[in-house]
Amino acid sequence: MSLQNLQFKLEKLRPWLTLLAVAWLLASLGLGWLVNSLLIIFGFLLVTPVIAFFGFRWWLQRNLVTGQCPVCAYEVTGLNNSQLQCQNCGEQLSVENNQFSRFAPEGTIDVTAIEVPAKSLED
């Protein structure tokens, strides 16, 4: 038997010898830690989406605000401490303290117009 034949035969056996060595190493160390680790990972994979779902619902219930647009009285829904645009009139709104208000840049004076009937002007 030549050295090349021996190398050729060992190349065919190399994957099997590697598998046998890994199995022997795991058997000598014990497989309990491996099974426990896999169960813990599997448990995290099952529990994490459930916790994330209920956590997101809780956060959404605390931060979702529904009210009327101060300009056109259209019902608007938005997140607390954010800005949005009314779908009906297009007015920029800001949500603060669970209430909708018109968003105006700093330095803008917001005036509320009052309709005066024509008869009272003649009197």
N, C-alpha and C. Protein backbone atom coordinates (compact mmCIF):
# COMPACT_ATOMS: atom_id res chain seq x y z
N MET A 1 0.84 -1.17 0.00
CA MET A 1 0.00 0.00 0.00
C MET A 1 0.89 1.24 0.00
N SER A 2 0.63 2.10 -0.94
CA SER A 2 1.46 3.29 -1.03
C SER A 2 0.87 4.42 -0.19
N LEU A 3 1.67 5.44 -0.03
CA LEU A 3 1.24 6.59 0.76
C LEU A 3 0.07 7.32 0.09
N GLN A 4 0.04 7.38 -1.23
CA GLN A 4 -1.05 8.04 -1.94
C GLN A 4 -2.36 7.30 -1.76
N ASN A 5 -2.33 5.98 -1.78
CA ASN A 5 -3.55 5.20 -1.56
C ASN A 5 -4.08 5.43 -0.16
N LEU A 6 -3.19 5.50 0.83
CA LEU A 6 -3.61 5.75 2.20
C LEU A 6 -4.25 7.13 2.34
N GLN A 7 -3.66 8.16 1.71
CA GLN A 7 -4.24 9.51 1.73
C GLN A 7 -5.60 9.54 1.05
N PHE A 8 -5.73 8.82 -0.06
CA PHE A 8 -7.00 8.78 -0.79
C PHE A 8 -8.09 8.14 0.06
N LYS A 9 -7.76 7.07 0.75
CA LYS A 9 -8.76 6.40 1.60
C LYS A 9 -9.13 7.26 2.81
N LEU A 10 -8.15 8.01 3.35
CA LEU A 10 -8.45 8.89 4.49
C LEU A 10 -9.31 10.08 4.08
N GLU A 11 -9.17 10.53 2.84
CA GLU A 11 -10.02 11.62 2.37
C GLU A 11 -11.48 11.20 2.34
N LYS A 12 -11.74 9.95 2.00
CA LYS A 12 -13.13 9.46 1.99
C LYS A 12 -13.67 9.30 3.40
N LEU A 13 -12.79 9.02 4.34
CA LEU A 13 -13.23 8.81 5.72
C LEU A 13 -13.24 10.08 6.56
N ARG A 14 -12.64 11.16 6.06
CA ARG A 14 -12.49 12.39 6.85
C ARG A 14 -13.84 12.93 7.37
N PRO A 15 -14.91 13.07 6.55
CA PRO A 15 -16.18 13.58 7.10
C PRO A 15 -16.75 12.67 8.19
N TRP A 16 -16.60 11.34 8.00
CA TRP A 16 -17.12 10.41 8.99
C TRP A 16 -16.31 10.47 10.28
N LEU A 17 -15.02 10.62 10.16
CA LEU A 17 -14.18 10.74 11.35
C LEU A 17 -14.46 12.04 12.10
N THR A 18 -14.72 13.11 11.36
CA THR A 18 -15.06 14.39 12.00
C THR A 18 -16.39 14.27 12.75
N LEU A 19 -17.38 13.66 12.12
CA LEU A 19 -18.68 13.45 12.76
C LEU A 19 -18.54 12.59 14.01
N LEU A 20 -17.75 11.55 13.92
CA LEU A 20 -17.51 10.67 15.06
C LEU A 20 -16.81 11.43 16.19
N ALA A 21 -15.85 12.27 15.86
CA ALA A 21 -15.13 13.05 16.89
C ALA A 21 -16.06 14.04 17.58
N VAL A 22 -16.92 14.70 16.82
CA VAL A 22 -17.88 15.66 17.41
C VAL A 22 -18.87 14.92 18.30
N ALA A 23 -19.39 13.80 17.83
CA ALA A 23 -20.33 13.01 18.64
C ALA A 23 -19.66 12.52 19.91
N TRP A 24 -18.42 12.05 19.82
CA TRP A 24 -17.70 11.59 21.01
C TRP A 24 -17.49 12.74 22.00
N LEU A 25 -17.14 13.93 21.48
CA LEU A 25 -16.93 15.09 22.35
C LEU A 25 -18.22 15.49 23.05
N LEU A 26 -19.33 15.52 22.31
CA LEU A 26 -20.61 15.86 22.93
C LEU A 26 -21.04 14.82 23.95
N ALA A 27 -20.81 13.56 23.66
CA ALA A 27 -21.19 12.50 24.60
C ALA A 27 -20.34 12.58 25.87
N SER A 28 -19.08 12.93 25.74
CA SER A 28 -18.23 12.99 26.92
C SER A 28 -18.56 14.20 27.78
N LEU A 29 -18.98 15.31 27.15
CA LEU A 29 -19.33 16.51 27.92
C LEU A 29 -20.75 16.43 28.47
N GLY A 30 -21.62 15.68 27.84
CA GLY A 30 -23.01 15.60 28.24
C GLY A 30 -23.85 16.49 27.35
N LEU A 31 -25.02 16.04 27.01
CA LEU A 31 -25.89 16.80 26.09
C LEU A 31 -26.94 17.64 26.80
N GLY A 32 -26.96 17.62 28.10
CA GLY A 32 -27.97 18.38 28.85
C GLY A 32 -27.89 19.87 28.58
N TRP A 33 -26.69 20.40 28.54
CA TRP A 33 -26.53 21.84 28.29
C TRP A 33 -27.02 22.22 26.90
N LEU A 34 -26.82 21.33 25.93
CA LEU A 34 -27.26 21.62 24.56
C LEU A 34 -28.78 21.61 24.47
N VAL A 35 -29.41 20.63 25.10
CA VAL A 35 -30.87 20.55 25.08
C VAL A 35 -31.47 21.74 25.81
N ASN A 36 -30.91 22.10 26.96
CA ASN A 36 -31.41 23.26 27.71
C ASN A 36 -31.26 24.54 26.91
N SER A 37 -30.15 24.71 26.24
CA SER A 37 -29.94 25.91 25.43
C SER A 37 -30.95 26.00 24.30
N LEU A 38 -31.19 24.88 23.64
CA LEU A 38 -32.17 24.88 22.55
C LEU A 38 -33.58 25.17 23.06
N LEU A 39 -33.93 24.64 24.23
CA LEU A 39 -35.25 24.92 24.79
C LEU A 39 -35.39 26.39 25.19
N ILE A 40 -34.34 26.96 25.73
CA ILE A 40 -34.39 28.39 26.10
C ILE A 40 -34.54 29.26 24.86
N ILE A 41 -33.79 28.96 23.82
CA ILE A 41 -33.91 29.73 22.57
C ILE A 41 -35.30 29.58 21.97
N PHE A 42 -35.83 28.37 21.97
CA PHE A 42 -37.17 28.12 21.44
C PHE A 42 -38.21 28.88 22.27
N GLY A 43 -38.04 28.89 23.60
CA GLY A 43 -38.96 29.63 24.46
C GLY A 43 -38.92 31.13 24.18
N PHE A 44 -37.72 31.69 23.99
CA PHE A 44 -37.61 33.11 23.65
C PHE A 44 -38.29 33.41 22.32
N LEU A 45 -38.12 32.51 21.35
CA LEU A 45 -38.75 32.73 20.05
C LEU A 45 -40.27 32.69 20.13
N LEU A 46 -40.82 31.94 21.07
CA LEU A 46 -42.27 31.89 21.22
C LEU A 46 -42.82 33.05 22.05
N VAL A 47 -42.09 33.44 23.09
CA VAL A 47 -42.59 34.44 24.04
C VAL A 47 -42.37 35.87 23.54
N THR A 48 -41.27 36.14 22.87
CA THR A 48 -40.94 37.51 22.46
C THR A 48 -42.00 38.16 21.58
N PRO A 49 -42.55 37.51 20.55
CA PRO A 49 -43.59 38.17 19.76
C PRO A 49 -44.86 38.47 20.55
N VAL A 50 -45.20 37.59 21.50
CA VAL A 50 -46.40 37.83 22.31
C VAL A 50 -46.20 39.05 23.20
N ILE A 51 -45.04 39.16 23.83
CA ILE A 51 -44.74 40.32 24.68
C ILE A 51 -44.70 41.59 23.84
N ALA A 52 -44.09 41.52 22.66
CA ALA A 52 -44.01 42.70 21.78
C ALA A 52 -45.40 43.13 21.33
N PHE A 53 -46.29 42.19 21.02
CA PHE A 53 -47.65 42.52 20.59
C PHE A 53 -48.41 43.25 21.69
N PHE A 54 -48.42 42.68 22.90
CA PHE A 54 -49.14 43.32 24.00
C PHE A 54 -48.49 44.63 24.43
N GLY A 55 -47.17 44.73 24.35
CA GLY A 55 -46.48 45.98 24.66
C GLY A 55 -46.84 47.07 23.67
N PHE A 56 -46.91 46.73 22.38
CA PHE A 56 -47.29 47.70 21.36
C PHE A 56 -48.73 48.14 21.54
N ARG A 57 -49.65 47.22 21.88
CA ARG A 57 -51.05 47.59 22.13
C ARG A 57 -51.16 48.55 23.31
N TRP A 58 -50.42 48.27 24.37
CA TRP A 58 -50.45 49.13 25.55
C TRP A 58 -49.94 50.53 25.20
N TRP A 59 -48.83 50.61 24.46
CA TRP A 59 -48.27 51.90 24.05
C TRP A 59 -49.25 52.65 23.15
N LEU A 60 -49.88 51.94 22.22
CA LEU A 60 -50.81 52.58 21.29
C LEU A 60 -52.04 53.12 22.01
N GLN A 61 -52.56 52.38 23.00
CA GLN A 61 -53.71 52.86 23.76
C GLN A 61 -53.38 54.12 24.55
N ARG A 62 -52.15 54.23 25.00
CA ARG A 62 -51.75 55.42 25.77
C ARG A 62 -51.49 56.63 24.87
N ASN A 63 -51.07 56.43 23.62
CA ASN A 63 -50.63 57.53 22.77
C ASN A 63 -51.54 57.85 21.61
N LEU A 64 -52.56 57.06 21.34
CA LEU A 64 -53.47 57.33 20.24
C LEU A 64 -54.57 58.29 20.71
N VAL A 65 -54.71 59.41 20.00
CA VAL A 65 -55.68 60.44 20.38
C VAL A 65 -56.70 60.58 19.27
N THR A 66 -57.97 60.60 19.63
CA THR A 66 -59.05 60.83 18.67
C THR A 66 -59.81 62.07 19.13
N GLY A 67 -60.02 62.99 18.22
CA GLY A 67 -60.74 64.22 18.55
C GLY A 67 -61.18 64.93 17.29
N GLN A 68 -61.65 66.16 17.46
CA GLN A 68 -62.13 66.95 16.33
C GLN A 68 -61.11 68.00 15.93
N CYS A 69 -61.05 68.24 14.62
CA CYS A 69 -60.20 69.30 14.10
C CYS A 69 -60.74 70.64 14.62
N PRO A 70 -59.89 71.51 15.15
CA PRO A 70 -60.38 72.79 15.67
C PRO A 70 -60.87 73.73 14.57
N VAL A 71 -60.58 73.46 13.31
CA VAL A 71 -60.99 74.34 12.22
C VAL A 71 -62.32 73.89 11.62
N CYS A 72 -62.42 72.59 11.26
CA CYS A 72 -63.61 72.12 10.55
C CYS A 72 -64.43 71.10 11.33
N ALA A 73 -64.02 70.72 12.52
CA ALA A 73 -64.71 69.77 13.39
C ALA A 73 -64.78 68.37 12.80
N TYR A 74 -63.88 68.04 11.89
CA TYR A 74 -63.80 66.69 11.33
C TYR A 74 -63.08 65.80 12.34
N GLU A 75 -63.55 64.55 12.50
CA GLU A 75 -62.91 63.65 13.47
C GLU A 75 -61.55 63.18 12.95
N VAL A 76 -60.52 63.42 13.77
CA VAL A 76 -59.14 63.13 13.39
C VAL A 76 -58.52 62.21 14.43
N THR A 77 -57.65 61.32 13.99
CA THR A 77 -56.92 60.43 14.88
C THR A 77 -55.43 60.63 14.65
N GLY A 78 -54.68 60.77 15.74
CA GLY A 78 -53.23 60.97 15.63
C GLY A 78 -52.53 60.51 16.89
N LEU A 79 -51.21 60.52 16.85
CA LEU A 79 -50.40 60.14 18.00
C LEU A 79 -50.08 61.36 18.85
N ASN A 80 -50.04 61.17 20.16
CA ASN A 80 -49.75 62.26 21.08
C ASN A 80 -48.35 62.81 20.82
N ASN A 81 -48.19 64.12 20.97
CA ASN A 81 -46.93 64.84 20.76
C ASN A 81 -46.40 64.67 19.34
N SER A 82 -47.30 64.81 18.37
CA SER A 82 -46.90 64.72 16.96
C SER A 82 -47.67 65.77 16.16
N GLN A 83 -47.33 65.88 14.90
CA GLN A 83 -48.02 66.81 14.00
C GLN A 83 -48.64 66.01 12.87
N LEU A 84 -49.78 66.49 12.38
CA LEU A 84 -50.45 65.83 11.27
C LEU A 84 -51.27 66.85 10.51
N GLN A 85 -51.84 66.40 9.43
CA GLN A 85 -52.65 67.27 8.59
C GLN A 85 -54.08 66.75 8.59
N CYS A 86 -55.05 67.64 8.75
CA CYS A 86 -56.46 67.25 8.73
C CYS A 86 -56.80 66.74 7.33
N GLN A 87 -57.48 65.59 7.27
CA GLN A 87 -57.82 65.01 5.98
C GLN A 87 -58.93 65.79 5.28
N ASN A 88 -59.72 66.55 6.03
CA ASN A 88 -60.85 67.27 5.45
C ASN A 88 -60.46 68.65 4.94
N CYS A 89 -59.84 69.46 5.79
CA CYS A 89 -59.56 70.84 5.40
C CYS A 89 -58.08 71.08 5.08
N GLY A 90 -57.21 70.15 5.41
CA GLY A 90 -55.79 70.30 5.10
C GLY A 90 -55.02 71.15 6.09
N GLU A 91 -55.61 71.52 7.18
CA GLU A 91 -54.95 72.34 8.20
C GLU A 91 -53.89 71.52 8.94
N GLN A 92 -52.72 72.14 9.20
CA GLN A 92 -51.68 71.48 9.98
C GLN A 92 -52.09 71.50 11.45
N LEU A 93 -52.09 70.33 12.08
CA LEU A 93 -52.50 70.20 13.47
C LEU A 93 -51.36 69.63 14.30
N SER A 94 -51.32 70.00 15.55
CA SER A 94 -50.38 69.38 16.48
C SER A 94 -51.18 68.76 17.62
N VAL A 95 -50.70 67.64 18.11
CA VAL A 95 -51.38 66.93 19.19
C VAL A 95 -50.53 67.08 20.44
N GLU A 96 -51.07 67.76 21.43
CA GLU A 96 -50.37 67.97 22.70
C GLU A 96 -51.36 67.78 23.83
N ASN A 97 -50.96 67.04 24.83
CA ASN A 97 -51.79 66.77 26.00
C ASN A 97 -53.15 66.20 25.61
N ASN A 98 -53.16 65.28 24.66
CA ASN A 98 -54.36 64.59 24.19
C ASN A 98 -55.40 65.54 23.59
N GLN A 99 -54.95 66.66 23.04
CA GLN A 99 -55.86 67.62 22.39
C GLN A 99 -55.24 68.07 21.07
N PHE A 100 -56.12 68.35 20.10
CA PHE A 100 -55.68 68.85 18.80
C PHE A 100 -55.71 70.37 18.82
N SER A 101 -54.69 70.98 18.26
CA SER A 101 -54.65 72.43 18.11
C SER A 101 -54.01 72.76 16.78
N ARG A 102 -54.28 73.95 16.28
CA ARG A 102 -53.68 74.37 15.01
C ARG A 102 -52.19 74.53 15.21
N PHE A 103 -51.43 74.09 14.23
CA PHE A 103 -49.98 74.25 14.29
C PHE A 103 -49.62 75.55 13.59
N ALA A 104 -48.99 76.42 14.32
CA ALA A 104 -48.55 77.69 13.74
C ALA A 104 -47.07 77.87 14.09
N PRO A 105 -46.27 78.30 13.12
CA PRO A 105 -44.85 78.55 13.42
C PRO A 105 -44.71 79.62 14.50
N GLU A 106 -43.57 79.60 15.18
CA GLU A 106 -43.33 80.57 16.25
C GLU A 106 -43.37 81.99 15.70
N GLY A 107 -44.03 82.87 16.41
CA GLY A 107 -44.16 84.27 15.99
C GLY A 107 -45.46 84.54 15.24
N THR A 108 -46.26 83.51 14.96
CA THR A 108 -47.53 83.69 14.26
C THR A 108 -48.61 83.99 15.29
N ILE A 109 -49.43 84.99 15.00
CA ILE A 109 -50.53 85.36 15.88
C ILE A 109 -51.78 84.67 15.35
N ASP A 110 -52.41 83.87 16.17
CA ASP A 110 -53.61 83.14 15.78
C ASP A 110 -54.83 83.94 16.22
N VAL A 111 -55.65 84.30 15.27
CA VAL A 111 -56.82 85.12 15.54
C VAL A 111 -58.07 84.32 15.25
N THR A 112 -59.05 84.41 16.14
CA THR A 112 -60.33 83.75 15.93
C THR A 112 -61.32 84.79 15.43
N ALA A 113 -61.87 84.52 14.26
CA ALA A 113 -62.82 85.46 13.67
C ALA A 113 -64.21 85.25 14.27
N ILE A 114 -64.92 86.36 14.48
CA ILE A 114 -66.29 86.32 15.01
C ILE A 114 -67.21 86.92 13.96
N GLU A 115 -68.26 86.19 13.65
CA GLU A 115 -69.22 86.68 12.66
C GLU A 115 -70.18 87.64 13.34
N VAL A 116 -70.29 88.79 12.75
CA VAL A 116 -71.18 89.82 13.28
C VAL A 116 -72.38 89.93 12.33
N PRO A 117 -73.61 89.77 12.85
CA PRO A 117 -74.79 89.87 11.98
C PRO A 117 -74.94 91.29 11.44
N ALA A 118 -75.48 91.40 10.24
CA ALA A 118 -75.64 92.71 9.57
C ALA A 118 -76.63 93.61 10.29
N LYS A 119 -77.63 93.09 10.92
CA LYS A 119 -78.64 93.90 11.61
C LYS A 119 -78.03 94.67 12.78
N SER A 120 -77.09 94.12 13.46
CA SER A 120 -76.53 94.80 14.63
C SER A 120 -75.66 95.98 14.19
N LEU A 121 -75.12 95.96 12.99
CA LEU A 121 -74.35 97.09 12.50
C LEU A 121 -75.24 98.28 12.23
N GLU A 122 -76.46 98.06 11.75
CA GLU A 122 -77.37 99.17 11.44
C GLU A 122 -77.93 99.80 12.69
N ASP A 123 -78.06 99.07 13.76
CA ASP A 123 -78.65 99.60 15.00
C ASP A 123 -77.77 100.56 15.71
